[in-house]
Amino acid sequence: MASRSFCLLLSLVFVCLAEPQPDYLKFVRAYADAMIQRGRDEYGAVRSPLFAAALDRKTLRLPAGAPPEIPGIREGDRTWTGANPMHDLNLYQVLYALTKITGEARYAAAADEALKWFFQHAQSPATGLFAWGEHLGWDFHREAVLANRIPHEYYRPWVLWEKCFQLAPEACRKFALGVWRHQIADHKTGEFSRHARFDQHGPAKGWEFPRHGGFYITTWASAYGRCKDAELLEAIECLLASFEDRRHRDSGAIPSTVRSSDLHSPQSELSLALDLWDGAKRVPGALAAKMRASAARTDEVFLKAPHDVGPGGKGFVAAAATATLQPSAFTQTWATGYGLMTDAQYSMLCLLRYRQVRKEPYRKLFLAAADRYLASAPDTSIALYPGAVADAIAAMLGAWRLTGDAKYLQRADTLGRLAAELFFADGPLPRASTRHDHYEAITRADTLAMELLNLWGARNRPRLNLGMIYPER
């Protein structure tokens, strides 16, 4: 451990002696300050502390009309008339980290105010679900859930449950129970759909994606850790048994739906394993052991899949056939768009899992994928999202921390400089893409701000734990 710390220090000195770097903290603070001062709910009959999910970068107000179409983004997923805290998850993480860095309580206070208001006002009284996620949002003009939007679906894992239970414990408890009672259609078989009605009971079946199941399980485990409601353990037991019962008899993989045993996503299954392992820390021992055993079985399946992340390789297996786990789709280095993952984004799952279990094959996969970004420049021929560059920076920082090799920190700085030029020119808010001049959270500008802040921390205060969790899965 001491030698690793010494290597990190040497590499940090080496990078700091190279060409001057941008002040990443300045960019991130300007973004946060603009959102706090001008990017909140000043519309409709009720003024709230919520942050807008889309803004005109010149006026710092909601767009006057629908922003231009963004390639790869579905119109039904955009929130340009209000707020969607799941799209802003990393903005909240940035605000909490800024208070740690600067000592200014106003950043964390702004996050607290927004989250508390949302959890207390944007919850369906019928289901307990929140107006957030893949499709929903809170409309500033209507003072209600977005019009003509019905399905509740997680967009990301929510990594701020501990904070939110402090701010709005009863709303969080009702939400966790609502996911069990209104998202899971069959409480015996565990069948569900990633979509559920927000406004009334109406769960469906047939789209039991493992990653979504993991999001539910970590929600239930977090809630159980706070309120000890046995119904939440019943929910975890049911879904865990459902996934285990559906494992393919030959490959051991978990199908993405009960409709077909041939539809598999290794990424989705690895995401579930991460949540099972994390959730196991919050539940009784016997159930925790089952959760860890299930995650370990997924390790076996995932690590024998024919990922091809070496030099010139095709990438990680994004979708696979059942019997042989042969790939039917691969990741892309600079992917942007619905349902696509970058190599870096996928590699970060391997790093997260390596940190949990210390299995060397995960380390090797992660570093092989990280090396793909040492020479690959962001593809500006497409509408490149800020999140895609953020993923690459995260991978470079992860590789540097893992190995102590200065080349990764150097590359993170190179990508950071480029990101500042591409997305932060002419104003404090990052652009929605390299081809769009407005701000829109759905392209993951919040993730870019988070990784630029992590980069600043690596260069300036490497021993300070900023407490930010990579959630892009």
Protein backbone atom coordinates (compact mmCIF):
# COMPACT_ATOMS: atom_id res chain seq x y z
CA MET A 1 0.00 0.00 0.00
CA ALA A 2 2.84 2.38 0.87
CA SER A 3 4.62 1.68 -2.43
CA ARG A 4 1.39 2.27 -4.37
CA SER A 5 0.90 5.63 -2.61
CA PHE A 6 4.52 6.56 -3.43
CA CYS A 7 3.97 5.69 -7.11
CA LEU A 8 0.84 7.80 -7.22
CA LEU A 9 2.73 10.71 -5.67
CA LEU A 10 5.58 10.41 -8.18
CA SER A 11 3.17 10.27 -11.12
CA LEU A 12 1.31 13.28 -9.77
CA VAL A 13 4.55 15.27 -9.54
CA PHE A 14 5.44 14.24 -13.10
CA VAL A 15 2.12 15.39 -14.49
CA CYS A 16 2.13 18.64 -12.54
CA LEU A 17 5.55 19.50 -14.05
CA ALA A 18 4.14 19.09 -17.55
CA GLU A 19 2.23 21.79 -19.42
CA PRO A 20 -0.17 23.95 -17.35
CA GLN A 21 -3.61 22.44 -16.95
CA PRO A 22 -7.00 24.16 -16.88
CA ASP A 23 -8.52 24.97 -13.53
CA TYR A 24 -11.14 22.23 -13.54
CA LEU A 25 -12.49 23.38 -10.19
CA LYS A 26 -13.23 26.77 -11.73
CA PHE A 27 -15.30 25.17 -14.51
CA VAL A 28 -17.24 22.99 -12.11
CA ARG A 29 -17.90 25.78 -9.63
CA ALA A 30 -19.12 28.06 -12.41
CA TYR A 31 -21.54 25.34 -13.52
CA ALA A 32 -22.78 24.75 -9.98
CA ASP A 33 -23.11 28.47 -9.25
CA ALA A 34 -25.09 29.04 -12.45
CA MET A 35 -27.45 26.20 -11.61
CA ILE A 36 -27.98 27.46 -8.05
CA GLN A 37 -28.43 31.11 -9.00
CA ARG A 38 -30.27 30.87 -12.34
CA GLY A 39 -31.15 27.25 -13.06
CA ARG A 40 -33.89 26.66 -10.50
CA ASP A 41 -37.67 26.65 -10.64
CA GLU A 42 -38.82 30.26 -11.19
CA TYR A 43 -41.84 29.25 -13.24
CA GLY A 44 -45.53 28.53 -12.73
CA ALA A 45 -47.52 29.24 -9.59
CA VAL A 46 -45.06 27.57 -7.21
CA ARG A 47 -41.40 28.47 -6.89
CA SER A 48 -39.30 25.50 -5.82
CA PRO A 49 -35.59 24.73 -5.28
CA LEU A 50 -35.59 22.12 -8.08
CA PHE A 51 -32.94 22.30 -10.81
CA ALA A 52 -33.98 22.55 -14.46
CA ALA A 53 -33.01 19.58 -16.61
CA ALA A 54 -32.61 21.82 -19.70
CA LEU A 55 -31.65 25.48 -20.09
CA ASP A 56 -30.81 28.04 -22.73
CA ARG A 57 -27.08 28.62 -22.20
CA LYS A 58 -27.35 32.33 -23.02
CA THR A 59 -30.43 33.33 -21.03
CA LEU A 60 -30.05 30.64 -18.33
CA ARG A 61 -33.79 30.02 -18.51
CA LEU A 62 -35.95 27.14 -19.65
CA PRO A 63 -35.97 26.82 -23.44
CA ALA A 64 -38.74 28.85 -25.06
CA GLY A 65 -39.70 25.80 -27.10
CA ALA A 66 -38.55 22.24 -27.60
CA PRO A 67 -34.75 22.20 -27.99
CA PRO A 68 -33.35 20.82 -31.23
CA GLU A 69 -33.47 17.06 -31.63
CA ILE A 70 -30.38 15.27 -30.33
CA PRO A 71 -29.36 12.15 -32.29
CA GLY A 72 -29.70 9.08 -30.12
CA ILE A 73 -32.07 10.72 -27.59
CA ARG A 74 -35.74 9.75 -27.68
CA GLU A 75 -38.16 12.65 -27.37
CA GLY A 76 -40.18 10.79 -24.75
CA ASP A 77 -37.14 10.71 -22.46
CA ARG A 78 -36.43 14.46 -22.44
CA THR A 79 -37.40 16.86 -19.65
CA TRP A 80 -37.11 20.39 -21.03
CA THR A 81 -39.96 22.00 -19.06
CA GLY A 82 -38.86 21.05 -15.58
CA ALA A 83 -36.78 18.77 -13.38
CA ASN A 84 -35.71 15.13 -13.35
CA PRO A 85 -33.45 14.38 -10.37
CA MET A 86 -32.35 11.03 -11.81
CA HIS A 87 -30.90 12.87 -14.79
CA ASP A 88 -29.22 15.25 -12.32
CA LEU A 89 -27.88 12.61 -9.93
CA ASN A 90 -24.25 13.53 -10.47
CA LEU A 91 -25.00 17.24 -10.17
CA TYR A 92 -26.11 16.50 -6.60
CA GLN A 93 -22.94 14.50 -6.01
CA VAL A 94 -20.90 17.43 -7.33
CA LEU A 95 -22.66 19.87 -5.00
CA TYR A 96 -21.93 17.73 -1.96
CA ALA A 97 -18.30 17.34 -3.05
CA LEU A 98 -17.90 21.09 -3.57
CA THR A 99 -18.84 21.70 0.04
CA LYS A 100 -16.11 19.24 1.06
CA ILE A 101 -13.56 21.02 -1.14
CA THR A 102 -14.46 24.65 -0.48
CA GLY A 103 -15.99 24.50 2.98
CA GLU A 104 -18.95 26.47 1.63
CA ALA A 105 -22.13 24.93 3.01
CA ARG A 106 -24.31 26.58 0.34
CA TYR A 107 -23.54 23.88 -2.22
CA ALA A 108 -24.70 20.97 -0.06
CA ALA A 109 -27.61 23.09 1.17
CA ALA A 110 -28.81 23.63 -2.40
CA ALA A 111 -28.72 19.87 -3.04
CA ASP A 112 -30.53 19.16 0.22
CA GLU A 113 -33.26 21.70 -0.53
CA ALA A 114 -33.92 20.35 -4.01
CA LEU A 115 -33.98 16.70 -3.01
CA LYS A 116 -36.14 17.27 0.05
CA TRP A 117 -38.68 19.32 -1.92
CA PHE A 118 -38.85 16.75 -4.71
CA PHE A 119 -39.27 13.79 -2.40
CA GLN A 120 -42.00 15.56 -0.46
CA HIS A 121 -43.95 16.96 -3.46
CA ALA A 122 -43.35 14.78 -6.54
CA GLN A 123 -44.58 11.43 -5.21
CA SER A 124 -47.71 9.69 -6.45
CA PRO A 125 -50.16 9.26 -3.56
CA ALA A 126 -51.51 6.14 -5.29
CA THR A 127 -48.26 4.24 -5.87
CA GLY A 128 -45.55 6.00 -3.88
CA LEU A 129 -43.43 6.28 -7.03
CA PHE A 130 -41.60 9.49 -7.88
CA ALA A 131 -41.91 11.64 -11.01
CA TRP A 132 -38.39 10.86 -12.20
CA GLY A 133 -36.36 8.40 -14.23
CA GLU A 134 -36.16 7.32 -17.85
CA HIS A 135 -39.43 8.96 -18.93
CA LEU A 136 -40.97 11.04 -16.15
CA GLY A 137 -40.17 14.45 -14.70
CA TRP A 138 -41.70 17.36 -12.78
CA ASP A 139 -43.15 20.13 -14.95
CA PHE A 140 -42.45 23.63 -13.60
CA HIS A 141 -45.41 25.15 -15.44
CA ARG A 142 -47.99 22.50 -14.58
CA GLU A 143 -46.74 21.94 -11.02
CA ALA A 144 -47.25 18.25 -11.68
CA VAL A 145 -45.75 15.25 -13.42
CA LEU A 146 -44.98 15.82 -17.10
CA ALA A 147 -48.12 15.64 -19.24
CA ASN A 148 -48.77 12.49 -21.27
CA ARG A 149 -46.06 10.53 -19.46
CA ILE A 150 -47.09 7.34 -17.67
CA PRO A 151 -44.29 4.78 -17.16
CA HIS A 152 -42.04 4.89 -14.14
CA GLU A 153 -38.59 3.48 -14.96
CA TYR A 154 -35.23 3.88 -13.27
CA TYR A 155 -32.70 5.77 -15.41
CA ARG A 156 -29.70 5.08 -13.19
CA PRO A 157 -29.11 3.41 -9.85
CA TRP A 158 -29.93 5.97 -7.17
CA VAL A 159 -26.78 6.22 -5.05
CA LEU A 160 -28.00 8.88 -2.60
CA TRP A 161 -30.41 6.81 -0.51
CA GLU A 162 -28.53 7.44 2.73
CA LYS A 163 -28.77 11.19 2.24
CA CYS A 164 -32.37 11.08 1.07
CA PHE A 165 -33.52 8.98 4.02
CA GLN A 166 -32.10 11.71 6.23
CA LEU A 167 -33.99 14.39 4.31
CA ALA A 168 -37.35 12.67 3.70
CA PRO A 169 -37.49 9.31 5.48
CA GLU A 170 -41.21 8.63 5.10
CA ALA A 171 -41.28 9.47 1.40
CA CYS A 172 -38.30 7.17 0.80
CA ARG A 173 -39.92 4.35 2.74
CA LYS A 174 -43.16 4.72 0.75
CA PHE A 175 -41.19 4.72 -2.50
CA ALA A 176 -39.33 1.51 -1.64
CA LEU A 177 -42.59 -0.23 -0.80
CA GLY A 178 -44.18 1.27 -3.90
CA VAL A 179 -41.55 -0.32 -6.14
CA TRP A 180 -42.37 -3.72 -4.62
CA ARG A 181 -46.13 -3.30 -4.64
CA HIS A 182 -46.59 -1.49 -7.94
CA GLN A 183 -43.52 -2.33 -10.09
CA ILE A 184 -43.38 -6.09 -9.49
CA ALA A 185 -46.37 -7.76 -11.14
CA ASP A 186 -46.17 -11.23 -9.60
CA HIS A 187 -45.03 -11.53 -6.00
CA LYS A 188 -44.60 -15.31 -6.35
CA THR A 189 -42.62 -15.56 -9.58
CA GLY A 190 -40.95 -12.14 -9.40
CA GLU A 191 -42.02 -11.26 -12.94
CA PHE A 192 -42.02 -7.54 -13.68
CA SER A 193 -41.51 -4.92 -16.34
CA ARG A 194 -39.03 -2.09 -16.13
CA HIS A 195 -42.11 0.09 -16.84
CA ALA A 196 -44.87 0.65 -14.27
CA ARG A 197 -47.70 3.14 -14.05
CA PHE A 198 -46.84 6.20 -11.99
CA ASP A 199 -50.39 7.29 -11.20
CA GLN A 200 -52.13 4.01 -10.37
CA HIS A 201 -51.49 0.33 -9.79
CA GLY A 202 -50.72 -1.33 -13.11
CA PRO A 203 -47.54 -3.39 -13.16
CA ALA A 204 -46.71 -5.43 -16.26
CA LYS A 205 -44.56 -8.48 -17.01
CA GLY A 206 -42.11 -9.55 -19.63
CA TRP A 207 -39.16 -7.16 -19.32
CA GLU A 208 -37.32 -8.37 -16.21
CA PHE A 209 -33.96 -6.77 -17.02
CA PRO A 210 -31.36 -7.77 -14.40
CA ARG A 211 -29.97 -4.23 -14.07
CA HIS A 212 -33.39 -2.89 -13.15
CA GLY A 213 -33.85 -5.72 -10.67
CA GLY A 214 -30.57 -4.65 -9.11
CA PHE A 215 -31.77 -1.08 -8.81
CA TYR A 216 -34.88 -2.31 -6.98
CA ILE A 217 -32.90 -4.60 -4.69
CA THR A 218 -30.46 -1.90 -3.62
CA THR A 219 -33.43 0.41 -2.99
CA TRP A 220 -35.10 -2.21 -0.80
CA ALA A 221 -31.87 -3.05 1.01
CA SER A 222 -31.20 0.63 1.72
CA ALA A 223 -34.75 1.08 3.03
CA TYR A 224 -34.51 -2.07 5.16
CA GLY A 225 -31.30 -0.76 6.67
CA ARG A 226 -33.24 2.27 7.87
CA CYS A 227 -36.71 0.97 8.80
CA LYS A 228 -36.31 -2.84 9.22
CA ASP A 229 -39.58 -3.59 7.43
CA ALA A 230 -39.75 -7.35 6.78
CA GLU A 231 -41.79 -6.78 3.62
CA LEU A 232 -38.65 -5.38 2.00
CA LEU A 233 -36.78 -8.61 2.71
CA GLU A 234 -39.66 -10.52 1.12
CA ALA A 235 -39.21 -8.36 -1.98
CA ILE A 236 -35.48 -9.09 -2.19
CA GLU A 237 -36.00 -12.83 -1.63
CA CYS A 238 -38.64 -12.94 -4.36
CA LEU A 239 -36.60 -11.16 -7.02
CA LEU A 240 -33.40 -12.99 -6.16
CA ALA A 241 -35.15 -16.37 -6.45
CA SER A 242 -36.71 -15.28 -9.75
CA PHE A 243 -33.34 -14.45 -11.29
CA GLU A 244 -31.75 -17.64 -10.02
CA ASP A 245 -34.64 -19.77 -11.31
CA ARG A 246 -34.24 -18.24 -14.77
CA ARG A 247 -30.51 -18.82 -15.15
CA HIS A 248 -29.80 -20.66 -18.38
CA ARG A 249 -29.07 -24.30 -17.65
CA ASP A 250 -26.02 -24.40 -19.93
CA SER A 251 -24.44 -20.96 -19.79
CA GLY A 252 -25.62 -19.85 -16.35
CA ALA A 253 -26.59 -16.46 -17.75
CA ILE A 254 -29.76 -14.67 -16.63
CA PRO A 255 -32.12 -13.87 -19.54
CA SER A 256 -33.22 -10.27 -19.85
CA THR A 257 -36.87 -11.33 -20.04
CA VAL A 258 -39.05 -14.34 -19.32
CA ARG A 259 -40.24 -14.02 -22.91
CA SER A 260 -36.99 -15.36 -24.32
CA SER A 261 -34.16 -17.43 -22.86
CA ASP A 262 -31.91 -16.20 -25.70
CA LEU A 263 -31.85 -12.50 -24.86
CA HIS A 264 -28.86 -11.70 -22.65
CA SER A 265 -26.95 -8.60 -21.62
CA PRO A 266 -23.71 -9.33 -19.74
CA GLN A 267 -23.56 -5.67 -18.69
CA SER A 268 -27.04 -5.87 -17.20
CA GLU A 269 -26.15 -9.02 -15.27
CA LEU A 270 -22.91 -7.48 -13.96
CA SER A 271 -24.85 -4.42 -12.84
CA LEU A 272 -27.16 -6.72 -10.87
CA ALA A 273 -24.14 -8.42 -9.28
CA LEU A 274 -22.81 -5.05 -8.13
CA ASP A 275 -26.10 -4.20 -6.45
CA LEU A 276 -26.48 -7.63 -4.87
CA TRP A 277 -23.03 -7.35 -3.34
CA ASP A 278 -23.62 -3.85 -2.09
CA GLY A 279 -27.13 -4.60 -0.81
CA ALA A 280 -25.90 -7.65 1.09
CA LYS A 281 -24.22 -5.32 3.58
CA ARG A 282 -27.63 -4.10 4.76
CA VAL A 283 -29.66 -7.30 5.20
CA PRO A 284 -29.58 -10.30 7.58
CA GLY A 285 -26.81 -12.86 7.17
CA ALA A 286 -28.67 -15.72 5.47
CA LEU A 287 -30.12 -13.49 2.77
CA ALA A 288 -26.81 -11.68 2.40
CA ALA A 289 -25.09 -15.01 1.71
CA LYS A 290 -27.61 -15.84 -1.01
CA MET A 291 -27.07 -12.45 -2.63
CA ARG A 292 -23.29 -12.83 -2.65
CA ALA A 293 -23.55 -16.36 -4.02
CA SER A 294 -25.74 -15.15 -6.88
CA ALA A 295 -23.28 -12.36 -7.67
CA ALA A 296 -20.42 -14.88 -7.67
CA ARG A 297 -22.26 -17.07 -10.19
CA THR A 298 -22.59 -14.04 -12.43
CA ASP A 299 -18.83 -13.49 -12.17
CA GLU A 300 -18.27 -16.95 -13.65
CA VAL A 301 -20.62 -16.23 -16.55
CA PHE A 302 -19.34 -12.74 -17.26
CA LEU A 303 -15.66 -13.60 -17.17
CA LYS A 304 -15.99 -16.47 -19.65
CA ALA A 305 -17.81 -14.31 -22.20
CA PRO A 306 -15.59 -13.57 -25.24
CA HIS A 307 -14.91 -9.89 -24.53
CA ASP A 308 -12.46 -8.48 -27.08
CA VAL A 309 -10.96 -5.36 -25.50
CA GLY A 310 -7.33 -5.76 -26.47
CA PRO A 311 -5.60 -3.62 -29.09
CA GLY A 312 -7.82 -3.43 -32.16
CA GLY A 313 -10.49 -5.54 -30.50
CA LYS A 314 -14.23 -5.21 -31.02
CA GLY A 315 -15.01 -4.25 -27.41
CA PHE A 316 -17.04 -5.75 -24.60
CA VAL A 317 -19.85 -8.15 -25.36
CA ALA A 318 -22.96 -5.98 -25.25
CA ALA A 319 -25.42 -8.76 -26.11
CA ALA A 320 -24.81 -12.49 -26.27
CA ALA A 321 -26.42 -15.72 -27.45
CA THR A 322 -27.34 -18.26 -24.81
CA ALA A 323 -25.67 -21.60 -25.34
CA THR A 324 -22.17 -20.45 -26.19
CA LEU A 325 -22.27 -16.84 -25.01
CA GLN A 326 -21.19 -15.80 -28.47
CA PRO A 327 -21.53 -12.02 -28.96
CA SER A 328 -24.26 -10.50 -31.09
CA ALA A 329 -23.26 -6.90 -30.30
CA PHE A 330 -20.20 -5.07 -28.95
CA THR A 331 -19.56 -1.79 -27.20
CA GLN A 332 -18.07 1.25 -28.97
CA THR A 333 -15.22 3.51 -27.93
CA TRP A 334 -17.15 6.78 -28.34
CA ALA A 335 -20.76 5.56 -28.42
CA THR A 336 -23.54 8.05 -27.91
CA GLY A 337 -27.23 7.24 -28.08
CA TYR A 338 -30.02 5.26 -26.51
CA GLY A 339 -29.00 1.76 -25.42
CA LEU A 340 -25.31 2.24 -26.26
CA MET A 341 -22.37 2.04 -23.88
CA THR A 342 -18.83 3.20 -24.35
CA ASP A 343 -15.96 0.80 -23.73
CA ALA A 344 -14.98 3.07 -20.84
CA GLN A 345 -18.45 2.99 -19.32
CA TYR A 346 -18.47 -0.79 -19.45
CA SER A 347 -14.91 -1.00 -18.13
CA MET A 348 -15.92 0.99 -15.07
CA LEU A 349 -18.33 -1.81 -14.13
CA CYS A 350 -15.35 -4.18 -14.20
CA LEU A 351 -13.41 -1.79 -11.96
CA LEU A 352 -16.32 -1.48 -9.53
CA ARG A 353 -16.65 -5.25 -9.36
CA TYR A 354 -12.88 -5.65 -8.94
CA ARG A 355 -12.99 -3.33 -5.96
CA GLN A 356 -15.70 -5.52 -4.44
CA VAL A 357 -14.12 -8.95 -4.95
CA ARG A 358 -10.49 -8.41 -6.05
CA LYS A 359 -10.72 -10.93 -8.88
CA GLU A 360 -7.76 -10.42 -11.18
CA PRO A 361 -9.66 -11.05 -14.47
CA TYR A 362 -11.77 -7.96 -13.77
CA ARG A 363 -8.62 -5.92 -13.27
CA LYS A 364 -7.17 -7.17 -16.55
CA LEU A 365 -10.37 -6.44 -18.47
CA PHE A 366 -10.57 -2.95 -17.01
CA LEU A 367 -6.97 -2.03 -17.82
CA ALA A 368 -7.18 -3.50 -21.33
CA ALA A 369 -10.24 -1.35 -22.03
CA ALA A 370 -8.66 1.72 -20.42
CA ASP A 371 -5.65 1.35 -22.72
CA ARG A 372 -7.97 1.80 -25.71
CA TYR A 373 -8.28 5.47 -24.69
CA LEU A 374 -4.58 6.25 -24.46
CA ALA A 375 -4.47 7.10 -28.15
CA SER A 376 -8.13 7.30 -29.19
CA ALA A 377 -9.38 10.88 -29.59
CA PRO A 378 -13.05 11.73 -28.96
CA ASP A 379 -15.09 11.38 -32.13
CA THR A 380 -16.23 14.93 -32.92
CA SER A 381 -17.68 13.85 -36.27
CA ILE A 382 -20.79 12.80 -34.32
CA ALA A 383 -22.99 14.66 -31.86
CA LEU A 384 -20.65 13.71 -29.04
CA TYR A 385 -22.18 13.83 -25.57
CA PRO A 386 -20.27 15.18 -22.57
CA GLY A 387 -20.98 11.89 -20.80
CA ALA A 388 -18.93 9.91 -23.33
CA VAL A 389 -15.81 11.97 -22.59
CA ALA A 390 -16.58 11.77 -18.87
CA ASP A 391 -16.55 7.97 -19.05
CA ALA A 392 -13.08 8.04 -20.60
CA ILE A 393 -11.76 10.42 -17.94
CA ALA A 394 -13.21 8.16 -15.24
CA ALA A 395 -11.44 5.16 -16.76
CA MET A 396 -8.13 7.03 -16.94
CA LEU A 397 -8.38 8.12 -13.31
CA GLY A 398 -9.35 4.61 -12.27
CA ALA A 399 -6.37 3.14 -14.11
CA TRP A 400 -4.02 5.69 -12.56
CA ARG A 401 -5.25 4.93 -9.05
CA LEU A 402 -4.98 1.20 -9.74
CA THR A 403 -1.47 1.21 -11.22
CA GLY A 404 0.19 4.48 -10.28
CA ASP A 405 1.25 4.89 -13.92
CA ALA A 406 1.50 8.58 -14.84
CA LYS A 407 0.43 7.95 -18.44
CA TYR A 408 -3.17 7.51 -17.32
CA LEU A 409 -3.25 10.75 -15.36
CA GLN A 410 -1.65 12.53 -18.29
CA ARG A 411 -4.30 11.17 -20.61
CA ALA A 412 -7.05 12.18 -18.17
CA ASP A 413 -5.66 15.72 -18.28
CA THR A 414 -5.57 15.70 -22.08
CA LEU A 415 -9.19 14.58 -22.19
CA GLY A 416 -10.10 17.11 -19.51
CA ARG A 417 -8.62 19.97 -21.50
CA LEU A 418 -10.47 18.84 -24.59
CA ALA A 419 -13.74 18.49 -22.68
CA ALA A 420 -13.40 22.03 -21.36
CA GLU A 421 -12.92 23.31 -24.91
CA LEU A 422 -15.72 21.24 -26.42
CA PHE A 423 -18.42 21.73 -23.82
CA PHE A 424 -17.71 24.74 -21.60
CA ALA A 425 -16.92 27.41 -24.19
CA ASP A 426 -18.92 30.68 -24.03
CA GLY A 427 -20.66 30.14 -20.72
CA PRO A 428 -20.80 28.32 -17.39
CA LEU A 429 -23.18 25.57 -18.50
CA PRO A 430 -21.84 22.64 -20.54
CA ARG A 431 -23.31 22.07 -23.99
CA ALA A 432 -25.69 19.18 -24.60
CA SER A 433 -23.37 17.87 -27.31
CA THR A 434 -20.67 19.05 -29.66
CA ARG A 435 -23.46 19.98 -32.10
CA HIS A 436 -25.94 21.53 -29.66
CA ASP A 437 -25.61 24.86 -27.88
CA HIS A 438 -28.23 24.39 -25.18
CA TYR A 439 -27.77 22.59 -21.84
CA GLU A 440 -29.61 19.31 -21.29
CA ALA A 441 -28.89 16.93 -18.44
CA ILE A 442 -29.86 13.78 -20.34
CA THR A 443 -26.55 13.78 -22.23
CA ARG A 444 -24.79 13.51 -18.86
CA ALA A 445 -23.15 16.88 -18.43
CA ASP A 446 -23.42 16.16 -14.71
CA THR A 447 -21.12 13.17 -15.18
CA LEU A 448 -18.56 15.33 -16.97
CA ALA A 449 -18.63 17.85 -14.13
CA MET A 450 -18.17 15.02 -11.65
CA GLU A 451 -15.17 13.58 -13.47
CA LEU A 452 -13.55 16.99 -13.96
CA LEU A 453 -13.91 17.48 -10.22
CA ASN A 454 -12.37 14.05 -9.63
CA LEU A 455 -9.54 15.06 -11.96
CA TRP A 456 -9.00 18.27 -10.02
CA GLY A 457 -8.96 16.27 -6.81
CA ALA A 458 -6.41 13.79 -8.21
CA ARG A 459 -4.08 16.63 -9.15
CA ASN A 460 -4.57 18.88 -6.13
CA ARG A 461 -5.93 16.94 -3.13
CA PRO A 462 -5.43 13.25 -3.89
CA ARG A 463 -6.04 12.16 -0.29
CA LEU A 464 -9.43 13.87 -0.01
CA ASN A 465 -12.32 11.44 -0.43
CA LEU A 466 -14.91 13.35 -2.42
CA GLY A 467 -17.46 10.60 -1.86
CA MET A 468 -18.73 10.55 -5.44
CA ILE A 469 -19.92 7.20 -6.84
CA TYR A 470 -19.78 6.34 -10.55
CA PRO A 471 -23.39 5.34 -11.44
CA GLU A 472 -23.35 5.00 -15.23
CA ARG A 473 -24.81 1.53 -15.63
